[in-house]
Amino acid sequence: MDLKILRLASDTKSQKKISDFTHNSKAKNPLCGDEIQLFFKINKGKITKVSYQGKNCVYCQASANLLSSNSNGKKVEEMIEVCDCANEFFKNKKDLPKNLKKYKALISSKNTNRKECILLPFNALKKGLINGN
């Protein structure tokens, strides 16, 4: 396992339930049992806060942490596109798109066997952004 992934997973500052969230979303990986719940605040079409809780593996935790730290200040549409691109990368395994460069520690062909764990927070975020609260 990559040391960067362990460092990302061990950063727990966003691992909590924010009290003033406007949206939330849950997701579960039926293959391994990982669970995640994201809480986020949206104001004027932008994400202003993201946090998460759950029972999950190191890859899922690292992904949730990276996603929460890189979502603040982003437009809803921009983050939906990031989520779509992450899923698309693991389907096609082409070059990493520019909007995913911040996620390259996780979203890479060497982590294909853990893609479901890595994508769980992305899929939960997209679901919450599209469906609302």
N, C-alpha and C. Protein backbone atom coordinates (compact mmCIF):
# COMPACT_ATOMS: atom_id res chain seq x y z
N MET A 1 0.84 -1.18 0.00
CA MET A 1 0.00 0.00 0.00
C MET A 1 0.89 1.24 0.00
N ASP A 2 0.47 2.23 -0.72
CA ASP A 2 1.19 3.48 -0.86
C ASP A 2 1.11 4.31 0.43
N LEU A 3 2.21 4.88 0.83
CA LEU A 3 2.26 5.71 2.04
C LEU A 3 1.38 6.95 1.91
N LYS A 4 1.24 7.49 0.68
CA LYS A 4 0.37 8.65 0.46
C LYS A 4 -1.08 8.33 0.82
N ILE A 5 -1.51 7.14 0.48
CA ILE A 5 -2.89 6.73 0.77
C ILE A 5 -3.10 6.63 2.27
N LEU A 6 -2.12 6.08 2.97
CA LEU A 6 -2.21 6.00 4.44
C LEU A 6 -2.26 7.38 5.08
N ARG A 7 -1.46 8.30 4.54
CA ARG A 7 -1.48 9.68 5.07
C ARG A 7 -2.83 10.34 4.83
N LEU A 8 -3.37 10.16 3.64
CA LEU A 8 -4.69 10.73 3.32
C LEU A 8 -5.76 10.17 4.25
N ALA A 9 -5.72 8.88 4.48
CA ALA A 9 -6.73 8.23 5.31
C ALA A 9 -6.60 8.64 6.77
N SER A 10 -5.40 8.95 7.21
CA SER A 10 -5.20 9.28 8.62
C SER A 10 -5.56 10.73 8.95
N ASP A 11 -5.77 11.56 7.93
CA ASP A 11 -6.18 12.94 8.17
C ASP A 11 -7.69 12.94 8.42
N THR A 12 -8.08 13.13 9.67
CA THR A 12 -9.49 12.96 10.05
C THR A 12 -10.23 14.27 10.33
N LYS A 13 -9.69 15.40 9.88
CA LYS A 13 -10.36 16.67 10.21
C LYS A 13 -11.75 16.80 9.59
N SER A 14 -12.02 16.11 8.51
CA SER A 14 -13.35 16.17 7.88
C SER A 14 -14.21 14.97 8.25
N GLN A 15 -13.71 14.11 9.10
CA GLN A 15 -14.44 12.91 9.48
C GLN A 15 -15.33 13.22 10.69
N LYS A 16 -16.47 13.83 10.38
CA LYS A 16 -17.44 14.23 11.40
C LYS A 16 -18.74 14.59 10.71
N LYS A 17 -19.75 14.82 11.48
CA LYS A 17 -21.03 15.27 10.93
C LYS A 17 -21.12 16.77 11.20
N ILE A 18 -21.11 17.56 10.13
CA ILE A 18 -21.29 19.00 10.33
C ILE A 18 -22.74 19.26 10.69
N SER A 19 -22.96 20.19 11.59
CA SER A 19 -24.31 20.41 12.09
C SER A 19 -25.18 21.24 11.15
N ASP A 20 -24.57 22.06 10.32
CA ASP A 20 -25.36 22.96 9.48
C ASP A 20 -25.42 22.50 8.02
N PHE A 21 -25.39 21.19 7.79
CA PHE A 21 -25.42 20.69 6.41
C PHE A 21 -26.78 20.97 5.77
N THR A 22 -26.76 21.17 4.45
CA THR A 22 -27.99 21.36 3.68
C THR A 22 -28.34 20.11 2.87
N HIS A 23 -27.34 19.26 2.63
CA HIS A 23 -27.51 18.05 1.84
C HIS A 23 -26.73 16.92 2.51
N ASN A 24 -27.19 15.70 2.29
CA ASN A 24 -26.42 14.55 2.72
C ASN A 24 -26.74 13.37 1.81
N SER A 25 -25.88 12.39 1.86
CA SER A 25 -26.05 11.23 1.00
C SER A 25 -25.33 10.04 1.62
N LYS A 26 -25.92 8.87 1.46
CA LYS A 26 -25.31 7.62 1.94
C LYS A 26 -25.04 6.71 0.76
N ALA A 27 -24.01 5.89 0.92
CA ALA A 27 -23.73 4.87 -0.09
C ALA A 27 -23.08 3.68 0.60
N LYS A 28 -23.31 2.52 0.02
CA LYS A 28 -22.73 1.28 0.56
C LYS A 28 -22.19 0.45 -0.59
N ASN A 29 -21.03 -0.12 -0.37
CA ASN A 29 -20.42 -1.00 -1.35
C ASN A 29 -20.86 -2.44 -1.03
N PRO A 30 -21.70 -3.04 -1.86
CA PRO A 30 -22.19 -4.38 -1.55
C PRO A 30 -21.10 -5.45 -1.65
N LEU A 31 -19.99 -5.14 -2.31
CA LEU A 31 -18.92 -6.12 -2.46
C LEU A 31 -18.12 -6.31 -1.17
N CYS A 32 -17.83 -5.21 -0.47
CA CYS A 32 -16.97 -5.31 0.71
C CYS A 32 -17.62 -4.82 1.99
N GLY A 33 -18.75 -4.13 1.87
CA GLY A 33 -19.44 -3.65 3.06
C GLY A 33 -19.08 -2.24 3.48
N ASP A 34 -18.18 -1.57 2.75
CA ASP A 34 -17.87 -0.18 3.08
C ASP A 34 -19.16 0.65 3.07
N GLU A 35 -19.27 1.55 4.04
CA GLU A 35 -20.39 2.48 4.11
C GLU A 35 -19.85 3.88 4.29
N ILE A 36 -20.51 4.84 3.67
CA ILE A 36 -20.11 6.23 3.84
C ILE A 36 -21.35 7.11 3.83
N GLN A 37 -21.31 8.15 4.63
CA GLN A 37 -22.34 9.18 4.60
C GLN A 37 -21.62 10.51 4.50
N LEU A 38 -22.01 11.28 3.51
CA LEU A 38 -21.44 12.61 3.31
C LEU A 38 -22.45 13.66 3.73
N PHE A 39 -21.94 14.71 4.33
CA PHE A 39 -22.74 15.87 4.73
C PHE A 39 -22.11 17.07 4.05
N PHE A 40 -22.94 17.87 3.39
CA PHE A 40 -22.36 19.04 2.75
C PHE A 40 -23.32 20.21 2.76
N LYS A 41 -22.72 21.37 2.71
CA LYS A 41 -23.49 22.60 2.71
C LYS A 41 -23.31 23.26 1.34
N ILE A 42 -24.43 23.62 0.75
CA ILE A 42 -24.41 24.30 -0.55
C ILE A 42 -25.05 25.66 -0.38
N ASN A 43 -24.37 26.66 -0.92
CA ASN A 43 -24.86 28.02 -0.86
C ASN A 43 -24.62 28.67 -2.22
N LYS A 44 -25.68 29.13 -2.84
CA LYS A 44 -25.63 29.81 -4.15
C LYS A 44 -24.91 28.96 -5.20
N GLY A 45 -25.22 27.67 -5.23
CA GLY A 45 -24.68 26.78 -6.25
C GLY A 45 -23.26 26.32 -6.02
N LYS A 46 -22.70 26.66 -4.85
CA LYS A 46 -21.33 26.24 -4.54
C LYS A 46 -21.31 25.42 -3.25
N ILE A 47 -20.40 24.48 -3.22
CA ILE A 47 -20.20 23.67 -2.02
C ILE A 47 -19.30 24.46 -1.06
N THR A 48 -19.80 24.68 0.14
CA THR A 48 -19.02 25.47 1.10
C THR A 48 -18.41 24.65 2.22
N LYS A 49 -18.92 23.44 2.43
CA LYS A 49 -18.42 22.56 3.49
C LYS A 49 -18.75 21.12 3.15
N VAL A 50 -17.82 20.22 3.45
CA VAL A 50 -18.06 18.78 3.25
C VAL A 50 -17.45 18.02 4.42
N SER A 51 -18.19 17.05 4.91
CA SER A 51 -17.65 16.15 5.92
C SER A 51 -18.22 14.76 5.65
N TYR A 52 -17.70 13.77 6.36
CA TYR A 52 -18.13 12.40 6.13
C TYR A 52 -18.00 11.56 7.40
N GLN A 53 -18.75 10.47 7.41
CA GLN A 53 -18.67 9.46 8.46
C GLN A 53 -18.89 8.12 7.80
N GLY A 54 -18.44 7.08 8.45
CA GLY A 54 -18.73 5.76 7.93
C GLY A 54 -17.81 4.69 8.46
N LYS A 55 -18.12 3.49 8.05
CA LYS A 55 -17.30 2.32 8.35
C LYS A 55 -16.72 1.89 7.01
N ASN A 56 -15.43 2.13 6.84
CA ASN A 56 -14.85 1.88 5.53
C ASN A 56 -13.36 1.57 5.60
N CYS A 57 -12.85 1.11 4.50
CA CYS A 57 -11.44 0.74 4.41
C CYS A 57 -10.57 1.98 4.20
N VAL A 58 -9.28 1.77 4.20
CA VAL A 58 -8.30 2.85 4.04
C VAL A 58 -8.49 3.57 2.71
N TYR A 59 -8.76 2.83 1.64
CA TYR A 59 -8.92 3.45 0.33
C TYR A 59 -10.16 4.35 0.28
N CYS A 60 -11.24 3.89 0.84
CA CYS A 60 -12.47 4.68 0.88
C CYS A 60 -12.28 5.92 1.76
N GLN A 61 -11.63 5.74 2.89
CA GLN A 61 -11.38 6.85 3.80
C GLN A 61 -10.48 7.90 3.15
N ALA A 62 -9.43 7.45 2.48
CA ALA A 62 -8.53 8.38 1.79
C ALA A 62 -9.27 9.13 0.70
N SER A 63 -10.11 8.42 -0.02
CA SER A 63 -10.90 9.03 -1.09
C SER A 63 -11.87 10.08 -0.54
N ALA A 64 -12.56 9.74 0.54
CA ALA A 64 -13.51 10.68 1.16
C ALA A 64 -12.78 11.92 1.68
N ASN A 65 -11.63 11.73 2.26
CA ASN A 65 -10.86 12.85 2.77
C ASN A 65 -10.39 13.76 1.64
N LEU A 66 -9.86 13.18 0.60
CA LEU A 66 -9.39 13.95 -0.55
C LEU A 66 -10.54 14.68 -1.23
N LEU A 67 -11.65 14.00 -1.37
CA LEU A 67 -12.83 14.61 -2.00
C LEU A 67 -13.37 15.75 -1.15
N SER A 68 -13.44 15.57 0.16
CA SER A 68 -13.98 16.63 1.02
C SER A 68 -13.06 17.85 1.02
N SER A 69 -11.77 17.65 1.01
CA SER A 69 -10.87 18.81 1.03
C SER A 69 -10.81 19.53 -0.31
N ASN A 70 -11.13 18.84 -1.39
CA ASN A 70 -11.07 19.48 -2.72
C ASN A 70 -12.42 19.96 -3.24
N SER A 71 -13.48 19.78 -2.47
CA SER A 71 -14.82 20.19 -2.92
C SER A 71 -15.19 21.60 -2.48
N ASN A 72 -14.61 22.06 -1.40
CA ASN A 72 -14.97 23.37 -0.86
C ASN A 72 -14.72 24.48 -1.88
N GLY A 73 -15.75 25.30 -2.09
CA GLY A 73 -15.65 26.43 -3.01
C GLY A 73 -15.95 26.08 -4.45
N LYS A 74 -16.18 24.81 -4.73
CA LYS A 74 -16.44 24.38 -6.10
C LYS A 74 -17.94 24.45 -6.41
N LYS A 75 -18.25 24.72 -7.67
CA LYS A 75 -19.63 24.71 -8.12
C LYS A 75 -20.15 23.28 -8.14
N VAL A 76 -21.45 23.15 -7.89
CA VAL A 76 -22.10 21.83 -7.89
C VAL A 76 -21.83 21.11 -9.20
N GLU A 77 -22.02 21.79 -10.33
CA GLU A 77 -21.84 21.17 -11.64
C GLU A 77 -20.41 20.69 -11.84
N GLU A 78 -19.46 21.46 -11.33
CA GLU A 78 -18.05 21.09 -11.45
C GLU A 78 -17.75 19.79 -10.70
N MET A 79 -18.34 19.63 -9.52
CA MET A 79 -18.08 18.43 -8.74
C MET A 79 -18.83 17.22 -9.30
N ILE A 80 -19.98 17.43 -9.91
CA ILE A 80 -20.66 16.32 -10.60
C ILE A 80 -19.78 15.83 -11.74
N GLU A 81 -19.17 16.75 -12.45
CA GLU A 81 -18.26 16.38 -13.55
C GLU A 81 -17.03 15.63 -13.02
N VAL A 82 -16.49 16.06 -11.90
CA VAL A 82 -15.35 15.36 -11.28
C VAL A 82 -15.75 13.92 -10.95
N CYS A 83 -16.93 13.74 -10.38
CA CYS A 83 -17.41 12.40 -10.03
C CYS A 83 -17.58 11.54 -11.28
N ASP A 84 -18.12 12.12 -12.34
CA ASP A 84 -18.29 11.39 -13.59
C ASP A 84 -16.94 11.01 -14.20
N CYS A 85 -15.99 11.93 -14.16
CA CYS A 85 -14.66 11.67 -14.72
C CYS A 85 -13.93 10.58 -13.95
N ALA A 86 -14.10 10.54 -12.64
CA ALA A 86 -13.47 9.50 -11.83
C ALA A 86 -13.99 8.12 -12.23
N ASN A 87 -15.30 8.01 -12.39
CA ASN A 87 -15.89 6.75 -12.83
C ASN A 87 -15.43 6.39 -14.24
N GLU A 88 -15.39 7.38 -15.10
CA GLU A 88 -14.98 7.16 -16.49
C GLU A 88 -13.52 6.70 -16.57
N PHE A 89 -12.66 7.27 -15.73
CA PHE A 89 -11.26 6.87 -15.74
C PHE A 89 -11.11 5.37 -15.49
N PHE A 90 -11.80 4.86 -14.49
CA PHE A 90 -11.66 3.44 -14.17
C PHE A 90 -12.30 2.54 -15.22
N LYS A 91 -13.21 3.08 -16.02
CA LYS A 91 -13.80 2.29 -17.11
C LYS A 91 -12.83 2.19 -18.28
N ASN A 92 -12.21 3.32 -18.62
CA ASN A 92 -11.38 3.39 -19.83
C ASN A 92 -9.88 3.37 -19.57
N LYS A 93 -9.46 3.74 -18.37
CA LYS A 93 -8.05 3.79 -17.98
C LYS A 93 -7.18 4.54 -18.98
N LYS A 94 -7.67 5.66 -19.44
CA LYS A 94 -6.88 6.53 -20.31
C LYS A 94 -6.14 7.52 -19.43
N ASP A 95 -5.59 8.55 -20.02
CA ASP A 95 -4.87 9.57 -19.24
C ASP A 95 -5.81 10.24 -18.26
N LEU A 96 -5.25 10.62 -17.13
CA LEU A 96 -6.03 11.28 -16.08
C LEU A 96 -6.43 12.68 -16.56
N PRO A 97 -7.74 12.99 -16.58
CA PRO A 97 -8.18 14.31 -17.00
C PRO A 97 -7.65 15.40 -16.06
N LYS A 98 -7.56 16.59 -16.57
CA LYS A 98 -7.01 17.72 -15.80
C LYS A 98 -7.76 17.94 -14.48
N ASN A 99 -9.09 17.78 -14.50
CA ASN A 99 -9.87 18.03 -13.28
C ASN A 99 -9.69 16.95 -12.22
N LEU A 100 -8.93 15.89 -12.52
CA LEU A 100 -8.68 14.83 -11.53
C LEU A 100 -7.24 14.80 -11.03
N LYS A 101 -6.41 15.75 -11.46
CA LYS A 101 -4.99 15.75 -11.08
C LYS A 101 -4.81 15.76 -9.56
N LYS A 102 -5.69 16.42 -8.82
CA LYS A 102 -5.59 16.48 -7.36
C LYS A 102 -5.86 15.12 -6.72
N TYR A 103 -6.43 14.21 -7.48
CA TYR A 103 -6.82 12.90 -6.97
C TYR A 103 -5.89 11.78 -7.45
N LYS A 104 -4.77 12.13 -8.09
CA LYS A 104 -3.93 11.13 -8.74
C LYS A 104 -3.32 10.10 -7.79
N ALA A 105 -3.23 10.42 -6.50
CA ALA A 105 -2.71 9.43 -5.54
C ALA A 105 -3.63 8.22 -5.47
N LEU A 106 -4.92 8.43 -5.71
CA LEU A 106 -5.90 7.35 -5.64
C LEU A 106 -6.40 6.89 -7.00
N ILE A 107 -6.69 7.85 -7.85
CA ILE A 107 -7.27 7.51 -9.15
C ILE A 107 -6.13 7.24 -10.12
N SER A 108 -5.72 5.99 -10.14
CA SER A 108 -4.65 5.56 -11.03
C SER A 108 -4.87 4.09 -11.39
N SER A 109 -4.25 3.69 -12.45
CA SER A 109 -4.43 2.31 -12.91
C SER A 109 -3.89 1.30 -11.90
N LYS A 110 -2.95 1.69 -11.05
CA LYS A 110 -2.42 0.75 -10.05
C LYS A 110 -3.46 0.43 -8.96
N ASN A 111 -4.50 1.26 -8.85
CA ASN A 111 -5.55 1.04 -7.84
C ASN A 111 -6.85 0.50 -8.44
N THR A 112 -6.78 -0.03 -9.63
CA THR A 112 -7.99 -0.53 -10.30
C THR A 112 -8.71 -1.58 -9.46
N ASN A 113 -7.96 -2.44 -8.79
CA ASN A 113 -8.61 -3.49 -8.00
C ASN A 113 -9.33 -2.94 -6.78
N ARG A 114 -9.12 -1.68 -6.42
CA ARG A 114 -9.82 -1.04 -5.30
C ARG A 114 -10.74 0.09 -5.77
N LYS A 115 -11.09 0.07 -7.05
CA LYS A 115 -11.87 1.17 -7.62
C LYS A 115 -13.22 1.36 -6.93
N GLU A 116 -13.88 0.28 -6.53
CA GLU A 116 -15.19 0.41 -5.89
C GLU A 116 -15.07 1.16 -4.56
N CYS A 117 -14.00 0.88 -3.83
CA CYS A 117 -13.76 1.56 -2.55
C CYS A 117 -13.45 3.04 -2.78
N ILE A 118 -12.64 3.32 -3.78
CA ILE A 118 -12.23 4.69 -4.10
C ILE A 118 -13.40 5.49 -4.62
N LEU A 119 -14.25 4.89 -5.43
CA LEU A 119 -15.36 5.61 -6.06
C LEU A 119 -16.57 5.79 -5.15
N LEU A 120 -16.65 5.05 -4.05
CA LEU A 120 -17.82 5.14 -3.18
C LEU A 120 -18.11 6.58 -2.73
N PRO A 121 -17.13 7.34 -2.22
CA PRO A 121 -17.42 8.73 -1.84
C PRO A 121 -17.81 9.61 -3.03
N PHE A 122 -17.20 9.38 -4.18
CA PHE A 122 -17.55 10.15 -5.38
C PHE A 122 -19.01 9.89 -5.77
N ASN A 123 -19.40 8.62 -5.74
CA ASN A 123 -20.77 8.28 -6.10
C ASN A 123 -21.78 8.81 -5.08
N ALA A 124 -21.41 8.80 -3.81
CA ALA A 124 -22.29 9.36 -2.77
C ALA A 124 -22.43 10.86 -2.94
N LEU A 125 -21.33 11.53 -3.24
CA LEU A 125 -21.39 12.99 -3.44
C LEU A 125 -22.28 13.33 -4.63
N LYS A 126 -22.07 12.66 -5.73
CA LYS A 126 -22.89 12.93 -6.93
C LYS A 126 -24.37 12.70 -6.64
N LYS A 127 -24.66 11.59 -5.99
CA LYS A 127 -26.05 11.27 -5.65
C LYS A 127 -26.67 12.39 -4.81
N GLY A 128 -25.95 12.87 -3.83
CA GLY A 128 -26.45 13.94 -2.97
C GLY A 128 -26.60 15.26 -3.70
N LEU A 129 -25.67 15.54 -4.61
CA LEU A 129 -25.75 16.80 -5.36
C LEU A 129 -26.92 16.79 -6.33
N ILE A 130 -27.19 15.66 -6.92
CA ILE A 130 -28.28 15.56 -7.92
C ILE A 130 -29.64 15.47 -7.22
N ASN A 131 -29.72 14.65 -6.18
CA ASN A 131 -31.01 14.39 -5.53
C ASN A 131 -31.35 15.37 -4.41
N GLY A 132 -30.39 16.17 -4.02
CA GLY A 132 -30.66 17.10 -2.92
C GLY A 132 -30.62 16.38 -1.59
N ASN A 133 -31.38 16.85 -0.64
CA ASN A 133 -31.32 16.33 0.72
C ASN A 133 -32.06 15.02 0.87
